[in-house]
Amino acid sequence: MSQGVVHGGLLYTVGQVDKESTDVGEQTTNVLAKIDALLAQVQSSKSQVLSASIWLSDMATFDEMNQAWER
């Protein structure tokens, strides 16, 4: 499985997860670091992200995830 594929100048990635932490904020930070690394490999940046889907098992953790996303 590829972590990311570039097609037509766009990086497509899916299924980025963090299996090391149970804390939603830490998981979000770790997954975003993985995505940052993939973007760096293709000489891109977060400013060029078109879409992101985030799946939470409990909406009560939304604020925790959102705080990590905003950082």
Protein backbone atom coordinates (compact mmCIF):
# COMPACT_ATOMS: atom_id res chain seq x y z
CA MET A 1 0.00 0.00 0.00
CA SER A 2 1.31 3.41 -0.93
CA GLN A 3 1.18 6.18 1.66
CA GLY A 4 0.55 8.69 -1.09
CA VAL A 5 0.30 8.95 -4.85
CA VAL A 6 0.89 12.02 -7.00
CA HIS A 7 -1.32 12.33 -10.06
CA GLY A 8 -1.88 15.44 -12.12
CA GLY A 9 0.22 17.45 -9.69
CA LEU A 10 -1.94 16.46 -6.69
CA LEU A 11 -0.99 14.22 -3.76
CA TYR A 12 -3.66 11.69 -2.86
CA THR A 13 -3.36 10.01 0.52
CA VAL A 14 -5.79 8.02 2.61
CA GLY A 15 -5.89 6.02 5.81
CA GLN A 16 -3.34 7.97 7.81
CA VAL A 17 -3.74 6.78 11.41
CA ASP A 18 -1.83 6.84 14.68
CA LYS A 19 -1.75 3.51 16.48
CA GLU A 20 0.60 4.64 19.25
CA SER A 21 -1.64 6.97 21.24
CA THR A 22 -5.14 6.80 22.67
CA ASP A 23 -5.33 10.58 23.21
CA VAL A 24 -7.29 12.23 20.38
CA GLY A 25 -5.23 15.43 20.45
CA GLU A 26 -1.98 13.48 20.29
CA GLN A 27 -3.36 11.22 17.55
CA THR A 28 -4.32 14.28 15.50
CA THR A 29 -0.87 15.83 15.98
CA ASN A 30 0.86 12.57 14.98
CA VAL A 31 -1.29 12.04 11.88
CA LEU A 32 -0.75 15.63 10.75
CA ALA A 33 3.01 15.13 11.16
CA LYS A 34 2.76 12.09 8.85
CA ILE A 35 0.85 14.14 6.29
CA ASP A 36 3.39 16.97 6.57
CA ALA A 37 6.17 14.47 5.80
CA LEU A 38 4.29 13.18 2.73
CA LEU A 39 3.71 16.74 1.52
CA ALA A 40 7.40 17.55 1.98
CA GLN A 41 8.35 14.52 -0.13
CA VAL A 42 6.41 15.97 -3.06
CA GLN A 43 7.52 19.55 -2.33
CA SER A 44 4.06 20.73 -1.29
CA SER A 45 2.58 22.18 1.89
CA LYS A 46 -0.56 22.29 4.03
CA SER A 47 -1.59 25.50 2.33
CA GLN A 48 -2.38 23.40 -0.75
CA VAL A 49 -4.62 20.82 0.98
CA LEU A 50 -7.95 20.65 -0.84
CA SER A 51 -9.90 18.35 1.45
CA ALA A 52 -9.58 16.36 4.66
CA SER A 53 -11.98 13.86 6.22
CA ILE A 54 -11.58 13.13 9.90
CA TRP A 55 -13.40 10.26 11.56
CA LEU A 56 -13.99 10.49 15.32
CA SER A 57 -15.38 7.59 17.29
CA ASP A 58 -16.90 10.04 19.79
CA MET A 59 -17.98 13.59 18.95
CA ALA A 60 -17.22 14.52 22.56
CA THR A 61 -13.54 14.56 21.49
CA PHE A 62 -14.13 17.09 18.69
CA ASP A 63 -12.75 20.08 20.63
CA GLU A 64 -9.59 18.16 21.52
CA MET A 65 -9.05 17.18 17.88
CA ASN A 66 -9.87 20.68 16.63
CA GLN A 67 -7.35 22.30 18.99
CA ALA A 68 -4.60 20.04 17.60
CA TRP A 69 -5.77 20.76 14.03
CA GLU A 70 -5.64 24.53 14.62
CA ARG A 71 -2.06 24.32 16.00
